[in-house]
N, C-alpha and C. Protein backbone atom coordinates (compact mmCIF):
# COMPACT_ATOMS: atom_id res chain seq x y z
N UNK A 1 -3.77 39.21 -6.12
CA UNK A 1 -4.87 40.38 -7.01
C UNK A 1 -4.05 39.50 -8.58
N UNK A 2 -5.20 39.38 -9.27
CA UNK A 2 -5.05 38.53 -10.53
C UNK A 2 -4.76 39.43 -11.54
N UNK A 3 -3.35 39.13 -12.06
CA UNK A 3 -2.80 39.38 -13.39
C UNK A 3 -4.12 40.20 -14.09
N UNK A 4 -4.44 41.12 -14.68
CA UNK A 4 -5.30 41.73 -15.29
C UNK A 4 -5.27 40.71 -16.73
N UNK A 5 -4.13 39.89 -17.39
CA UNK A 5 -4.66 39.56 -18.47
C UNK A 5 -5.28 37.91 -18.67
N UNK A 6 -4.96 37.38 -16.92
CA UNK A 6 -5.70 36.79 -16.77
C UNK A 6 -7.00 36.39 -15.85
N UNK A 7 -7.80 37.68 -16.44
CA UNK A 7 -9.32 38.57 -15.50
C UNK A 7 -9.91 37.76 -17.28
N UNK A 8 -9.52 38.04 -18.10
CA UNK A 8 -10.36 37.32 -18.88
C UNK A 8 -9.60 36.42 -19.74
N UNK A 9 -10.65 35.00 -20.01
CA UNK A 9 -9.93 34.01 -20.73
C UNK A 9 -9.25 33.91 -22.11
N UNK A 10 -9.06 33.34 -22.21
CA UNK A 10 -9.34 32.93 -23.87
C UNK A 10 -10.52 32.89 -24.92
N UNK A 11 -11.43 32.39 -24.58
CA UNK A 11 -13.10 32.43 -24.87
C UNK A 11 -13.68 34.05 -25.11
N UNK A 12 -13.28 34.95 -23.81
CA UNK A 12 -13.60 35.78 -24.10
C UNK A 12 -13.12 36.77 -24.57
N UNK A 13 -11.95 36.89 -24.86
CA UNK A 13 -10.60 37.42 -25.88
C UNK A 13 -11.43 37.07 -27.81
N UNK A 14 -11.45 35.93 -27.42
CA UNK A 14 -11.74 35.59 -28.75
C UNK A 14 -13.09 35.95 -29.25
N UNK A 15 -14.19 35.72 -28.16
CA UNK A 15 -15.68 36.73 -28.81
C UNK A 15 -15.77 38.33 -28.97
N UNK A 16 -14.64 38.64 -28.39
CA UNK A 16 -14.17 40.68 -28.03
C UNK A 16 -13.83 40.49 -29.95
N UNK A 17 -12.77 39.70 -29.76
CA UNK A 17 -12.41 40.18 -31.52
C UNK A 17 -13.18 39.92 -32.22
N UNK A 18 -13.50 38.86 -32.35
CA UNK A 18 -14.65 38.57 -33.27
C UNK A 18 -15.86 39.62 -33.06
N UNK A 19 -16.08 39.95 -32.42
CA UNK A 19 -17.15 41.41 -32.07
C UNK A 19 -16.85 42.18 -32.38
N UNK A 20 -15.11 43.23 -32.99
CA UNK A 20 -14.68 43.76 -33.12
C UNK A 20 -14.07 43.97 -34.39
N UNK A 21 -14.38 42.37 -34.77
CA UNK A 21 -13.89 43.22 -36.44
C UNK A 21 -15.48 42.77 -37.20
N UNK A 22 -17.16 42.05 -36.69
CA UNK A 22 -18.20 42.16 -37.29
C UNK A 22 -18.57 43.87 -36.89
N UNK A 23 -18.33 44.25 -36.00
CA UNK A 23 -18.62 45.59 -36.12
C UNK A 23 -17.65 46.75 -37.07
N UNK A 24 -16.87 46.75 -37.01
CA UNK A 24 -15.69 46.98 -37.90
C UNK A 24 -16.16 46.43 -39.80
N UNK A 25 -16.29 45.36 -39.49
CA UNK A 25 -16.89 45.49 -40.74
C UNK A 25 -18.28 45.52 -41.52
N UNK A 26 -19.30 45.67 -40.73
CA UNK A 26 -20.62 46.54 -40.88
C UNK A 26 -20.05 47.50 -41.11
N UNK A 27 -19.59 48.30 -40.09
CA UNK A 27 -19.33 49.59 -40.00
C UNK A 27 -18.86 50.21 -41.74
N UNK A 28 -18.07 49.55 -42.06
CA UNK A 28 -17.14 49.78 -43.29
C UNK A 28 -18.31 49.54 -44.99
N UNK A 29 -19.35 48.38 -43.93
CA UNK A 29 -20.35 47.73 -45.60
C UNK A 29 -21.23 49.13 -45.68
N UNK A 30 -22.03 49.40 -44.41
CA UNK A 30 -22.47 50.36 -43.88
C UNK A 30 -21.84 52.21 -44.73
N UNK A 31 -20.81 52.09 -44.41
CA UNK A 31 -19.89 53.41 -44.76
C UNK A 31 -20.04 53.49 -46.38
N UNK A 32 -19.69 52.37 -46.88
CA UNK A 32 -18.84 52.02 -48.70
C UNK A 32 -21.47 52.38 -49.55
N UNK A 33 -21.76 51.62 -48.76
CA UNK A 33 -23.63 51.73 -49.60
C UNK A 33 -23.30 53.51 -48.83
N UNK A 34 -23.29 54.12 -48.26
CA UNK A 34 -23.93 55.35 -48.20
C UNK A 34 -23.10 56.28 -49.21
N UNK A 35 -21.73 56.05 -49.29
CA UNK A 35 -20.54 56.71 -49.85
C UNK A 35 -20.65 56.44 -51.46
N UNK A 36 -20.72 55.31 -51.63
CA UNK A 36 -20.15 55.31 -53.41
C UNK A 36 -21.83 55.09 -53.76
N UNK A 37 -22.25 53.61 -53.18
CA UNK A 37 -23.73 52.43 -53.81
C UNK A 37 -24.09 54.21 -53.84
N UNK A 38 -24.62 54.66 -53.07
CA UNK A 38 -26.48 55.69 -52.92
C UNK A 38 -26.36 56.11 -54.44
N UNK A 39 -24.76 57.24 -54.31
CA UNK A 39 -25.07 57.80 -55.42
C UNK A 39 -24.81 57.24 -57.12
N UNK A 40 -25.03 56.53 -56.61
CA UNK A 40 -25.28 55.66 -58.09
C UNK A 40 -26.94 55.20 -58.51
N UNK A 41 -27.30 54.75 -57.09
CA UNK A 41 -28.65 54.48 -57.61
C UNK A 41 -29.18 55.68 -57.90
N UNK A 42 -30.86 55.44 -59.11
CA UNK A 42 -31.63 56.84 -58.82
C UNK A 42 -32.64 58.04 -57.50
N UNK A 43 -32.24 58.62 -58.16
CA UNK A 43 -33.15 59.84 -56.99
C UNK A 43 -34.21 59.06 -56.20
N UNK A 44 -34.04 58.92 -55.01
CA UNK A 44 -35.45 58.58 -54.59
C UNK A 44 -36.15 59.39 -54.16
N UNK A 45 -37.16 59.00 -53.35
CA UNK A 45 -38.42 60.09 -52.67
C UNK A 45 -38.10 60.01 -50.90
N UNK A 46 -37.66 58.89 -50.05
CA UNK A 46 -36.86 58.89 -49.13
C UNK A 46 -36.56 59.97 -49.26
N UNK A 47 -36.60 60.42 -47.41
CA UNK A 47 -36.42 62.21 -47.18
C UNK A 47 -34.29 62.03 -46.63
N UNK A 48 -33.87 60.39 -45.91
CA UNK A 48 -32.99 59.80 -45.55
C UNK A 48 -31.97 59.65 -46.51
N UNK A 49 -32.58 58.42 -47.55
CA UNK A 49 -31.68 58.24 -48.69
C UNK A 49 -31.42 59.27 -49.57
N UNK A 50 -32.44 60.77 -50.15
CA UNK A 50 -31.97 62.10 -50.88
C UNK A 50 -31.49 62.13 -49.97
N UNK A 51 -30.93 63.00 -48.56
CA UNK A 51 -29.72 63.45 -48.10
C UNK A 51 -28.54 62.88 -48.56
N UNK A 52 -28.24 61.70 -48.19
CA UNK A 52 -27.28 61.07 -48.28
C UNK A 52 -26.41 60.79 -49.90
N UNK A 53 -28.03 61.01 -51.13
CA UNK A 53 -27.38 60.31 -52.19
C UNK A 53 -26.44 62.36 -52.34
N UNK A 54 -26.70 63.42 -52.27
CA UNK A 54 -27.31 64.59 -52.52
C UNK A 54 -25.82 65.31 -51.35
N UNK A 55 -25.13 64.32 -50.49
CA UNK A 55 -24.40 65.04 -50.14
C UNK A 55 -23.02 64.33 -50.71
N UNK A 56 -21.85 65.42 -50.20
CA UNK A 56 -20.55 65.56 -50.92
C UNK A 56 -19.76 65.64 -50.22
N UNK A 57 -20.38 65.53 -48.88
CA UNK A 57 -18.90 65.62 -47.84
C UNK A 57 -17.92 64.01 -47.02
N UNK A 58 -18.92 63.99 -46.83
CA UNK A 58 -18.05 61.70 -47.12
C UNK A 58 -18.08 61.32 -47.68
N UNK A 59 -18.27 61.74 -48.94
CA UNK A 59 -18.07 61.01 -50.41
C UNK A 59 -16.21 61.52 -50.42
N UNK A 60 -15.69 62.39 -49.97
CA UNK A 60 -14.15 62.71 -49.70
C UNK A 60 -13.50 62.51 -48.50
N UNK A 61 -14.51 62.10 -47.51
CA UNK A 61 -13.84 62.16 -46.56
C UNK A 61 -12.63 61.25 -46.01
N UNK A 62 -13.30 60.24 -46.16
CA UNK A 62 -12.09 59.37 -46.20
C UNK A 62 -10.43 58.73 -47.52
N UNK A 63 -10.93 59.26 -48.38
CA UNK A 63 -10.13 59.59 -48.86
C UNK A 63 -9.14 60.81 -48.58
N UNK A 64 -9.15 61.70 -48.62
CA UNK A 64 -8.46 62.73 -47.39
C UNK A 64 -7.96 62.51 -46.68
N UNK A 65 -8.31 61.36 -46.02
CA UNK A 65 -7.87 61.54 -44.39
C UNK A 65 -7.45 59.86 -44.12
N UNK A 66 -7.07 59.53 -45.09
CA UNK A 66 -5.61 58.61 -45.45
C UNK A 66 -3.94 58.42 -45.96
N UNK A 67 -4.00 59.86 -46.12
CA UNK A 67 -2.11 60.78 -46.04
C UNK A 67 -2.06 60.84 -44.75
N UNK A 68 -3.40 61.81 -43.70
CA UNK A 68 -2.96 61.98 -42.79
C UNK A 68 -3.22 61.34 -41.75
N UNK A 69 -3.41 59.61 -41.59
CA UNK A 69 -3.37 57.92 -41.10
C UNK A 69 -1.87 57.63 -41.35
N UNK A 70 -1.44 58.17 -42.64
CA UNK A 70 -0.53 57.37 -42.67
C UNK A 70 0.68 58.06 -41.79
N UNK A 71 0.84 59.91 -42.20
CA UNK A 71 1.88 60.31 -41.22
C UNK A 71 1.46 59.95 -40.11
N UNK A 72 0.12 59.36 -39.34
CA UNK A 72 0.11 60.26 -37.52
C UNK A 72 0.89 58.13 -37.40
N UNK A 73 0.48 57.44 -38.10
CA UNK A 73 1.05 55.85 -37.62
C UNK A 73 2.50 56.00 -37.90
N UNK A 74 3.13 56.70 -38.73
CA UNK A 74 4.25 57.49 -39.12
C UNK A 74 4.68 58.23 -37.90
N UNK A 75 4.42 58.87 -37.55
CA UNK A 75 4.95 59.66 -36.40
C UNK A 75 4.74 58.73 -34.95
N UNK A 76 3.73 57.70 -35.89
CA UNK A 76 3.78 57.33 -33.87
C UNK A 76 4.77 56.02 -33.71
N UNK A 77 4.93 55.36 -34.35
CA UNK A 77 5.76 54.31 -34.61
C UNK A 77 7.64 55.28 -33.97
N UNK A 78 7.84 56.31 -34.73
CA UNK A 78 8.92 57.29 -34.75
C UNK A 78 9.10 57.22 -33.44
N UNK A 79 8.08 57.44 -32.38
CA UNK A 79 8.20 58.03 -31.28
C UNK A 79 8.03 56.77 -30.31
N UNK A 80 7.93 55.50 -30.88
CA UNK A 80 8.15 54.41 -30.26
C UNK A 80 9.42 54.17 -30.22
N UNK A 81 10.18 53.81 -31.51
CA UNK A 81 11.32 53.84 -31.40
C UNK A 81 12.67 54.68 -30.51
N UNK A 82 12.11 55.97 -30.69
CA UNK A 82 13.20 56.92 -29.50
C UNK A 82 12.65 56.31 -28.23
N UNK A 83 11.31 56.04 -27.82
CA UNK A 83 11.62 55.80 -26.00
C UNK A 83 11.58 54.39 -26.53
N UNK A 84 12.12 54.02 -26.83
CA UNK A 84 12.63 52.21 -26.77
C UNK A 84 14.37 52.59 -27.15
N UNK A 85 14.81 53.40 -27.73
CA UNK A 85 16.08 53.41 -27.93
C UNK A 85 16.54 54.97 -27.04
N UNK A 86 15.83 55.51 -26.23
CA UNK A 86 16.33 56.00 -25.38
C UNK A 86 17.09 56.16 -23.93
């Protein structure tokens, strides 16, 4: 049986890596536009754009989530250290 790392060639890994980066960039730009830029534009007649302009949830979601992410990353690092040196 082949090793799992041998199943994917370096081109497949490169392609999937680029796909993840592009998806993340598009998601970030879309969220940034919806959460910040739409608030600065004049009111719109479009129902979807108007609902995003009047939204007060997502513009606060990421800034309030960042401290929790730092705590989670720290605890993940700490648990890996405990596991490694146990």
